[in-house]
Amino acid sequence: MYDKEIVYDEKVSPLMTEIIKICKENDIKMFADFYLREPTETDNEFHCTTVLHVGENKSDRLSDLVKVAYNGYIAQKPYFAAMTVTKEAI
């Protein structure tokens, strides 16, 4: 079973705490979603989602991303994301 909650709690969460602090201090909007556990017969899948949508200037893109994350679509249109790695990091 895929279950990374302990790894998140021990290693990622302290880093996210620092990232959130820096973003708030500098009015940096952000979205992070960590898939931590697959669904079971008795429980839904488990995510840890952080959204900072601070300051006067709201981001439509960030608002749309939040809608997609929680609803799976915007205006009844399915959305998806993809990344292609074309060469190794230097």
PDB file of N, CA and C in Angstrom:
ATOM      1  N   MET A   1       0.834  -1.181   0.000  1.00  0.00           N
ATOM      2  CA  MET A   1       0.000   0.000   0.000  1.00  0.00           C
ATOM      3  C   MET A   1       0.882   1.249   0.000  1.00  0.00           C
ATOM      4  N   TYR A   2       0.491   2.237  -0.769  1.00  0.00           N
ATOM      5  CA  TYR A   2       1.201   3.515  -0.848  1.00  0.00           C
ATOM      6  C   TYR A   2       0.787   4.376   0.334  1.00  0.00           C
ATOM      7  N   ASP A   3       1.712   4.616   1.266  1.00  0.00           N
ATOM      8  CA  ASP A   3       1.420   5.439   2.440  1.00  0.00           C
ATOM      9  C   ASP A   3       2.681   6.201   2.813  1.00  0.00           C
ATOM     10  N   LYS A   4       2.681   7.496   2.551  1.00  0.00           N
ATOM     11  CA  LYS A   4       3.857   8.341   2.791  1.00  0.00           C
ATOM     12  C   LYS A   4       3.606   9.387   3.867  1.00  0.00           C
ATOM     13  N   GLU A   5       2.593   9.180   4.686  1.00  0.00           N
ATOM     14  CA  GLU A   5       2.246  10.175   5.702  1.00  0.00           C
ATOM     15  C   GLU A   5       3.380  10.376   6.705  1.00  0.00           C
ATOM     16  N   ILE A   6       4.033   9.322   7.115  1.00  0.00           N
ATOM     17  CA  ILE A   6       5.125   9.438   8.088  1.00  0.00           C
ATOM     18  C   ILE A   6       6.297  10.211   7.485  1.00  0.00           C
ATOM     19  N   VAL A   7       6.633   9.917   6.239  1.00  0.00           N
ATOM     20  CA  VAL A   7       7.714  10.636   5.563  1.00  0.00           C
ATOM     21  C   VAL A   7       7.372  12.117   5.475  1.00  0.00           C
ATOM     22  N   TYR A   8       6.133  12.425   5.102  1.00  0.00           N
ATOM     23  CA  TYR A   8       5.706  13.824   5.034  1.00  0.00           C
ATOM     24  C   TYR A   8       5.849  14.484   6.401  1.00  0.00           C
ATOM     25  N   ASP A   9       5.313  13.848   7.434  1.00  0.00           N
ATOM     26  CA  ASP A   9       5.336  14.432   8.769  1.00  0.00           C
ATOM     27  C   ASP A   9       6.760  14.692   9.264  1.00  0.00           C
ATOM     28  N   GLU A  10       7.651  13.758   8.997  1.00  0.00           N
ATOM     29  CA  GLU A  10       9.015  13.871   9.521  1.00  0.00           C
ATOM     30  C   GLU A  10       9.925  14.752   8.681  1.00  0.00           C
ATOM     31  N   LYS A  11       9.780  14.713   7.356  1.00  0.00           N
ATOM     32  CA  LYS A  11      10.754  15.385   6.501  1.00  0.00           C
ATOM     33  C   LYS A  11      10.213  16.576   5.718  1.00  0.00           C
ATOM     34  N   VAL A  12       9.010  16.465   5.194  1.00  0.00           N
ATOM     35  CA  VAL A  12       8.471  17.518   4.334  1.00  0.00           C
ATOM     36  C   VAL A  12       7.811  18.625   5.157  1.00  0.00           C
ATOM     37  N   SER A  13       7.059  18.265   6.153  1.00  0.00           N
ATOM     38  CA  SER A  13       6.321  19.257   6.937  1.00  0.00           C
ATOM     39  C   SER A  13       7.208  20.359   7.517  1.00  0.00           C
ATOM     40  N   PRO A  14       8.364  20.028   8.106  1.00  0.00           N
ATOM     41  CA  PRO A  14       9.222  21.118   8.596  1.00  0.00           C
ATOM     42  C   PRO A  14       9.678  22.058   7.476  1.00  0.00           C
ATOM     43  N   LEU A  15       9.930  21.530   6.306  1.00  0.00           N
ATOM     44  CA  LEU A  15      10.316  22.368   5.166  1.00  0.00           C
ATOM     45  C   LEU A  15       9.149  23.227   4.710  1.00  0.00           C
ATOM     46  N   MET A  16       7.959  22.642   4.664  1.00  0.00           N
ATOM     47  CA  MET A  16       6.774  23.400   4.262  1.00  0.00           C
ATOM     48  C   MET A  16       6.487  24.529   5.246  1.00  0.00           C
ATOM     49  N   THR A  17       6.719  24.300   6.518  1.00  0.00           N
ATOM     50  CA  THR A  17       6.531  25.344   7.511  1.00  0.00           C
ATOM     51  C   THR A  17       7.416  26.544   7.184  1.00  0.00           C
ATOM     52  N   GLU A  18       8.650  26.291   6.823  1.00  0.00           N
ATOM     53  CA  GLU A  18       9.571  27.363   6.458  1.00  0.00           C
ATOM     54  C   GLU A  18       9.168  28.025   5.137  1.00  0.00           C
ATOM     55  N   ILE A  19       8.758  27.237   4.160  1.00  0.00           N
ATOM     56  CA  ILE A  19       8.313  27.774   2.874  1.00  0.00           C
ATOM     57  C   ILE A  19       7.091  28.676   3.066  1.00  0.00           C
ATOM     58  N   ILE A  20       6.134  28.218   3.854  1.00  0.00           N
ATOM     59  CA  ILE A  20       4.928  29.009   4.115  1.00  0.00           C
ATOM     60  C   ILE A  20       5.304  30.331   4.780  1.00  0.00           C
ATOM     61  N   LYS A  21       6.192  30.286   5.749  1.00  0.00           N
ATOM     62  CA  LYS A  21       6.630  31.500   6.437  1.00  0.00           C
ATOM     63  C   LYS A  21       7.252  32.489   5.447  1.00  0.00           C
ATOM     64  N   ILE A  22       8.152  32.015   4.601  1.00  0.00           N
ATOM     65  CA  ILE A  22       8.811  32.875   3.609  1.00  0.00           C
ATOM     66  C   ILE A  22       7.791  33.448   2.630  1.00  0.00           C
ATOM     67  N   CYS A  23       6.880  32.611   2.172  1.00  0.00           N
ATOM     68  CA  CYS A  23       5.862  33.073   1.223  1.00  0.00           C
ATOM     69  C   CYS A  23       4.968  34.134   1.839  1.00  0.00           C
ATOM     70  N   LYS A  24       4.557  33.945   3.076  1.00  0.00           N
ATOM     71  CA  LYS A  24       3.716  34.954   3.744  1.00  0.00           C
ATOM     72  C   LYS A  24       4.459  36.260   3.930  1.00  0.00           C
ATOM     73  N   GLU A  25       5.724  36.179   4.335  1.00  0.00           N
ATOM     74  CA  GLU A  25       6.521  37.388   4.552  1.00  0.00           C
ATOM     75  C   GLU A  25       6.723  38.182   3.265  1.00  0.00           C
ATOM     76  N   ASN A  26       6.719  37.505   2.132  1.00  0.00           N
ATOM     77  CA  ASN A  26       7.035  38.139   0.856  1.00  0.00           C
ATOM     78  C   ASN A  26       5.857  38.180  -0.108  1.00  0.00           C
ATOM     79  N   ASP A  27       4.656  37.914   0.392  1.00  0.00           N
ATOM     80  CA  ASP A  27       3.445  37.923  -0.420  1.00  0.00           C
ATOM     81  C   ASP A  27       3.600  37.083  -1.686  1.00  0.00           C
ATOM     82  N   ILE A  28       4.071  35.869  -1.506  1.00  0.00           N
ATOM     83  CA  ILE A  28       4.209  34.927  -2.623  1.00  0.00           C
ATOM     84  C   ILE A  28       3.050  33.942  -2.559  1.00  0.00           C
ATOM     85  N   LYS A  29       2.262  33.929  -3.610  1.00  0.00           N
ATOM     86  CA  LYS A  29       1.143  33.001  -3.687  1.00  0.00           C
ATOM     87  C   LYS A  29       1.675  31.625  -4.079  1.00  0.00           C
ATOM     88  N   MET A  30       1.076  30.592  -3.529  1.00  0.00           N
ATOM     89  CA  MET A  30       1.569  29.246  -3.838  1.00  0.00           C
ATOM     90  C   MET A  30       0.480  28.207  -3.654  1.00  0.00           C
ATOM     91  N   PHE A  31       0.712  27.068  -4.291  1.00  0.00           N
ATOM     92  CA  PHE A  31      -0.174  25.913  -4.179  1.00  0.00           C
ATOM     93  C   PHE A  31       0.713  24.677  -4.132  1.00  0.00           C
ATOM     94  N   ALA A  32       0.492  23.827  -3.161  1.00  0.00           N
ATOM     95  CA  ALA A  32       1.233  22.565  -3.069  1.00  0.00           C
ATOM     96  C   ALA A  32       0.256  21.475  -2.656  1.00  0.00           C
ATOM     97  N   ASP A  33       0.334  20.351  -3.332  1.00  0.00           N
ATOM     98  CA  ASP A  33      -0.533  19.219  -2.996  1.00  0.00           C
ATOM     99  C   ASP A  33       0.318  17.964  -2.949  1.00  0.00           C
ATOM    100  N   PHE A  34       0.307  17.294  -1.827  1.00  0.00           N
ATOM    101  CA  PHE A  34       1.084  16.072  -1.648  1.00  0.00           C
ATOM    102  C   PHE A  34       0.125  14.891  -1.520  1.00  0.00           C
ATOM    103  N   TYR A  35       0.300  13.921  -2.392  1.00  0.00           N
ATOM    104  CA  TYR A  35      -0.513  12.702  -2.375  1.00  0.00           C
ATOM    105  C   TYR A  35       0.167  11.733  -1.418  1.00  0.00           C
ATOM    106  N   LEU A  36      -0.449  11.484  -0.269  1.00  0.00           N
ATOM    107  CA  LEU A  36       0.219  10.745   0.790  1.00  0.00           C
ATOM    108  C   LEU A  36      -0.263   9.315   0.970  1.00  0.00           C
ATOM    109  N   ARG A  37      -1.507   9.060   0.611  1.00  0.00           N
ATOM    110  CA  ARG A  37      -2.007   7.695   0.847  1.00  0.00           C
ATOM    111  C   ARG A  37      -3.092   7.374  -0.157  1.00  0.00           C
ATOM    112  N   GLU A  38      -3.015   6.177  -0.697  1.00  0.00           N
ATOM    113  CA  GLU A  38      -4.044   5.740  -1.642  1.00  0.00           C
ATOM    114  C   GLU A  38      -5.313   5.360  -0.879  1.00  0.00           C
ATOM    115  N   PRO A  39      -6.440   5.359  -1.554  1.00  0.00           N
ATOM    116  CA  PRO A  39      -7.691   5.013  -0.865  1.00  0.00           C
ATOM    117  C   PRO A  39      -7.722   3.540  -0.459  1.00  0.00           C
ATOM    118  N   THR A  40      -8.473   3.274   0.588  1.00  0.00           N
ATOM    119  CA  THR A  40      -8.701   1.897   1.033  1.00  0.00           C
ATOM    120  C   THR A  40     -10.203   1.642   1.001  1.00  0.00           C
ATOM    121  N   GLU A  41     -10.600   0.454   1.409  1.00  0.00           N
ATOM    122  CA  GLU A  41     -12.028   0.136   1.456  1.00  0.00           C
ATOM    123  C   GLU A  41     -12.773   0.995   2.469  1.00  0.00           C
ATOM    124  N   THR A  42     -12.072   1.460   3.507  1.00  0.00           N
ATOM    125  CA  THR A  42     -12.725   2.204   4.583  1.00  0.00           C
ATOM    126  C   THR A  42     -12.360   3.684   4.630  1.00  0.00           C
ATOM    127  N   ASP A  43     -11.419   4.126   3.771  1.00  0.00           N
ATOM    128  CA  ASP A  43     -10.948   5.500   3.857  1.00  0.00           C
ATOM    129  C   ASP A  43     -10.648   6.051   2.464  1.00  0.00           C
ATOM    130  N   ASN A  44     -10.832   7.354   2.290  1.00  0.00           N
ATOM    131  CA  ASN A  44     -10.503   7.996   1.028  1.00  0.00           C
ATOM    132  C   ASN A  44      -8.995   8.200   0.903  1.00  0.00           C
ATOM    133  N   GLU A  45      -8.554   8.539  -0.312  1.00  0.00           N
ATOM    134  CA  GLU A  45      -7.151   8.882  -0.471  1.00  0.00           C
ATOM    135  C   GLU A  45      -6.847  10.093   0.392  1.00  0.00           C
ATOM    136  N   PHE A  46      -5.583  10.272   0.719  1.00  0.00           N
ATOM    137  CA  PHE A  46      -5.201  11.327   1.645  1.00  0.00           C
ATOM    138  C   PHE A  46      -4.198  12.261   0.988  1.00  0.00           C
ATOM    139  N   HIS A  47      -4.514  13.558   1.013  1.00  0.00           N
ATOM    140  CA  HIS A  47      -3.640  14.599   0.478  1.00  0.00           C
ATOM    141  C   HIS A  47      -3.350  15.607   1.576  1.00  0.00           C
ATOM    142  N   CYS A  48      -2.230  16.276   1.454  1.00  0.00           N
ATOM    143  CA  CYS A  48      -1.962  17.466   2.253  1.00  0.00           C
ATOM    144  C   CYS A  48      -1.840  18.606   1.257  1.00  0.00           C
ATOM    145  N   THR A  49      -2.755  19.542   1.318  1.00  0.00           N
ATOM    146  CA  THR A  49      -2.811  20.643   0.353  1.00  0.00           C
ATOM    147  C   THR A  49      -2.608  21.958   1.087  1.00  0.00           C
ATOM    148  N   THR A  50      -1.718  22.783   0.538  1.00  0.00           N
ATOM    149  CA  THR A  50      -1.459  24.103   1.084  1.00  0.00           C
ATOM    150  C   THR A  50      -1.668  25.127  -0.016  1.00  0.00           C
ATOM    151  N   VAL A  51      -2.480  26.137   0.286  1.00  0.00           N
ATOM    152  CA  VAL A  51      -2.731  27.220  -0.660  1.00  0.00           C
ATOM    153  C   VAL A  51      -2.524  28.528   0.075  1.00  0.00           C
ATOM    154  N   LEU A  52      -1.667  29.383  -0.480  1.00  0.00           N
ATOM    155  CA  LEU A  52      -1.519  30.743   0.025  1.00  0.00           C
ATOM    156  C   LEU A  52      -1.962  31.673  -1.078  1.00  0.00           C
ATOM    157  N   HIS A  53      -3.040  32.350  -0.802  1.00  0.00           N
ATOM    158  CA  HIS A  53      -3.635  33.264  -1.783  1.00  0.00           C
ATOM    159  C   HIS A  53      -3.732  34.614  -1.081  1.00  0.00           C
ATOM    160  N   VAL A  54      -2.571  35.111  -0.621  1.00  0.00           N
ATOM    161  CA  VAL A  54      -2.525  36.288   0.240  1.00  0.00           C
ATOM    162  C   VAL A  54      -2.338  37.572  -0.558  1.00  0.00           C
ATOM    163  N   GLY A  55      -2.590  38.691   0.087  1.00  0.00           N
ATOM    164  CA  GLY A  55      -2.363  39.983  -0.531  1.00  0.00           C
ATOM    165  C   GLY A  55      -3.565  40.491  -1.295  1.00  0.00           C
ATOM    166  N   GLU A  56      -3.431  41.707  -1.816  1.00  0.00           N
ATOM    167  CA  GLU A  56      -4.528  42.340  -2.543  1.00  0.00           C
ATOM    168  C   GLU A  56      -4.776  41.709  -3.903  1.00  0.00           C
ATOM    169  N   ASN A  57      -3.729  41.406  -4.617  1.00  0.00           N
ATOM    170  CA  ASN A  57      -3.847  40.914  -5.992  1.00  0.00           C
ATOM    171  C   ASN A  57      -4.072  39.408  -5.998  1.00  0.00           C
ATOM    172  N   LYS A  58      -5.292  39.025  -6.244  1.00  0.00           N
ATOM    173  CA  LYS A  58      -5.627  37.609  -6.315  1.00  0.00           C
ATOM    174  C   LYS A  58      -5.239  37.065  -7.687  1.00  0.00           C
ATOM    175  N   SER A  59      -4.801  35.838  -7.727  1.00  0.00           N
ATOM    176  CA  SER A  59      -4.394  35.199  -8.975  1.00  0.00           C
ATOM    177  C   SER A  59      -5.538  34.339  -9.506  1.00  0.00           C
ATOM    178  N   ASP A  60      -6.032  34.671 -10.699  1.00  0.00           N
ATOM    179  CA  ASP A  60      -7.081  33.848 -11.309  1.00  0.00           C
ATOM    180  C   ASP A  60      -6.570  32.439 -11.561  1.00  0.00           C
ATOM    181  N   ARG A  61      -5.325  32.335 -11.972  1.00  0.00           N
ATOM    182  CA  ARG A  61      -4.746  31.013 -12.244  1.00  0.00           C
ATOM    183  C   ARG A  61      -4.723  30.168 -10.970  1.00  0.00           C
ATOM    184  N   LEU A  62      -4.323  30.771  -9.863  1.00  0.00           N
ATOM    185  CA  LEU A  62      -4.303  30.041  -8.604  1.00  0.00           C
ATOM    186  C   LEU A  62      -5.721  29.671  -8.169  1.00  0.00           C
ATOM    187  N   SER A  63      -6.654  30.571  -8.360  1.00  0.00           N
ATOM    188  CA  SER A  63      -8.051  30.263  -8.035  1.00  0.00           C
ATOM    189  C   SER A  63      -8.545  29.088  -8.866  1.00  0.00           C
ATOM    190  N   ASP A  64      -8.199  29.075 -10.154  1.00  0.00           N
ATOM    191  CA  ASP A  64      -8.587  27.968 -11.018  1.00  0.00           C
ATOM    192  C   ASP A  64      -7.932  26.665 -10.568  1.00  0.00           C
ATOM    193  N   LEU A  65      -6.677  26.743 -10.164  1.00  0.00           N
ATOM    194  CA  LEU A  65      -5.968  25.546  -9.715  1.00  0.00           C
ATOM    195  C   LEU A  65      -6.630  24.952  -8.481  1.00  0.00           C
ATOM    196  N   VAL A  66      -7.058  25.793  -7.570  1.00  0.00           N
ATOM    197  CA  VAL A  66      -7.750  25.318  -6.370  1.00  0.00           C
ATOM    198  C   VAL A  66      -9.061  24.634  -6.754  1.00  0.00           C
ATOM    199  N   LYS A  67      -9.804  25.237  -7.687  1.00  0.00           N
ATOM    200  CA  LYS A  67     -11.056  24.624  -8.142  1.00  0.00           C
ATOM    201  C   LYS A  67     -10.811  23.261  -8.769  1.00  0.00           C
ATOM    202  N   VAL A  68      -9.770  23.166  -9.586  1.00  0.00           N
ATOM    203  CA  VAL A  68      -9.438  21.884 -10.220  1.00  0.00           C
ATOM    204  C   VAL A  68      -9.065  20.851  -9.167  1.00  0.00           C
ATOM    205  N   ALA A  69      -8.257  21.247  -8.200  1.00  0.00           N
ATOM    206  CA  ALA A  69      -7.808  20.315  -7.171  1.00  0.00           C
ATOM    207  C   ALA A  69      -8.966  19.763  -6.354  1.00  0.00           C
ATOM    208  N   TYR A  70      -9.930  20.608  -6.047  1.00  0.00           N
ATOM    209  CA  TYR A  70     -11.028  20.168  -5.197  1.00  0.00           C
ATOM    210  C   TYR A  70     -12.235  19.635  -5.953  1.00  0.00           C
ATOM    211  N   ASN A  71     -12.424  20.082  -7.187  1.00  0.00           N
ATOM    212  CA  ASN A  71     -13.595  19.663  -7.946  1.00  0.00           C
ATOM    213  C   ASN A  71     -13.257  18.824  -9.172  1.00  0.00           C
ATOM    214  N   GLY A  72     -12.020  18.882  -9.617  1.00  0.00           N
ATOM    215  CA  GLY A  72     -11.607  18.102 -10.771  1.00  0.00           C
ATOM    216  C   GLY A  72     -11.897  18.750 -12.111  1.00  0.00           C
ATOM    217  N   TYR A  73     -12.513  19.914 -12.119  1.00  0.00           N
ATOM    218  CA  TYR A  73     -12.836  20.570 -13.385  1.00  0.00           C
ATOM    219  C   TYR A  73     -13.189  22.036 -13.137  1.00  0.00           C
ATOM    220  N   ILE A  74     -13.151  22.775 -14.217  1.00  0.00           N
ATOM    221  CA  ILE A  74     -13.639  24.151 -14.209  1.00  0.00           C
ATOM    222  C   ILE A  74     -14.618  24.264 -15.366  1.00  0.00           C
ATOM    223  N   ALA A  75     -15.765  24.809 -15.116  1.00  0.00           N
ATOM    224  CA  ALA A  75     -16.783  25.010 -16.163  1.00  0.00           C
ATOM    225  C   ALA A  75     -17.055  23.723 -16.936  1.00  0.00           C
ATOM    226  N   GLN A  76     -17.117  22.630 -16.226  1.00  0.00           N
ATOM    227  CA  GLN A  76     -17.431  21.317 -16.797  1.00  0.00           C
ATOM    228  C   GLN A  76     -16.395  20.825 -17.811  1.00  0.00           C
ATOM    229  N   LYS A  77     -15.214  21.440 -17.824  1.00  0.00           N
ATOM    230  CA  LYS A  77     -14.147  20.988 -18.726  1.00  0.00           C
ATOM    231  C   LYS A  77     -13.087  20.269 -17.905  1.00  0.00           C
ATOM    232  N   PRO A  78     -12.710  19.077 -18.304  1.00  0.00           N
ATOM    233  CA  PRO A  78     -11.653  18.377 -17.556  1.00  0.00           C
ATOM    234  C   PRO A  78     -10.307  19.065 -17.750  1.00  0.00           C
ATOM    235  N   TYR A  79      -9.504  19.077 -16.725  1.00  0.00           N
ATOM    236  CA  TYR A  79      -8.159  19.635 -16.776  1.00  0.00           C
ATOM    237  C   TYR A  79      -7.166  18.548 -16.424  1.00  0.00           C
ATOM    238  N   PHE A  80      -5.953  18.697 -16.908  1.00  0.00           N
ATOM    239  CA  PHE A  80      -4.884  17.797 -16.530  1.00  0.00           C
ATOM    240  C   PHE A  80      -3.583  18.557 -16.577  1.00  0.00           C
ATOM    241  N   ALA A  81      -2.561  18.004 -15.971  1.00  0.00           N
ATOM    242  CA  ALA A  81      -1.232  18.600 -16.016  1.00  0.00           C
ATOM    243  C   ALA A  81      -0.252  17.531 -16.454  1.00  0.00           C
ATOM    244  N   ALA A  82       0.782  17.955 -17.135  1.00  0.00           N
ATOM    245  CA  ALA A  82       1.802  17.018 -17.579  1.00  0.00           C
ATOM    246  C   ALA A  82       3.157  17.694 -17.540  1.00  0.00           C
ATOM    247  N   MET A  83       4.194  16.902 -17.360  1.00  0.00           N
ATOM    248  CA  MET A  83       5.547  17.420 -17.379  1.00  0.00           C
ATOM    249  C   MET A  83       6.399  16.460 -18.179  1.00  0.00           C
ATOM    250  N   THR A  84       7.237  17.000 -19.034  1.00  0.00           N
ATOM    251  CA  THR A  84       8.154  16.175 -19.813  1.00  0.00           C
ATOM    252  C   THR A  84       9.569  16.592 -19.474  1.00  0.00           C
ATOM    253  N   VAL A  85      10.396  15.636 -19.058  1.00  0.00           N
ATOM    254  CA  VAL A  85      11.799  15.907 -18.794  1.00  0.00           C
ATOM    255  C   VAL A  85      12.578  15.533 -20.032  1.00  0.00           C
ATOM    256  N   THR A  86      13.302  16.518 -20.594  1.00  0.00           N
ATOM    257  CA  THR A  86      13.995  16.271 -21.850  1.00  0.00           C
ATOM    258  C   THR A  86      15.487  16.038 -21.691  1.00  0.00           C
ATOM    259  N   LYS A  87      16.060  16.428 -20.548  1.00  0.00           N
ATOM    260  CA  LYS A  87      17.467  16.120 -20.295  1.00  0.00           C
ATOM    261  C   LYS A  87      17.706  16.114 -18.792  1.00  0.00           C
ATOM    262  N   GLU A  88      18.817  15.538 -18.405  1.00  0.00           N
ATOM    263  CA  GLU A  88      19.142  15.446 -16.984  1.00  0.00           C
ATOM    264  C   GLU A  88      19.496  16.816 -16.415  1.00  0.00           C
ATOM    265  N   ALA A  89      19.232  16.999 -15.151  1.00  0.00           N
ATOM    266  CA  ALA A  89      19.610  18.240 -14.480  1.00  0.00           C
ATOM    267  C   ALA A  89      21.126  18.327 -14.397  1.00  0.00           C
ATOM    268  N   ILE A  90      21.602  19.537 -14.430  1.00  0.00           N
ATOM    269  CA  ILE A  90      23.063  19.739 -14.384  1.00  0.00           C
ATOM    270  C   ILE A  90      23.502  19.875 -12.953  1.00  0.00           C
TER     271      ILE A  90
END
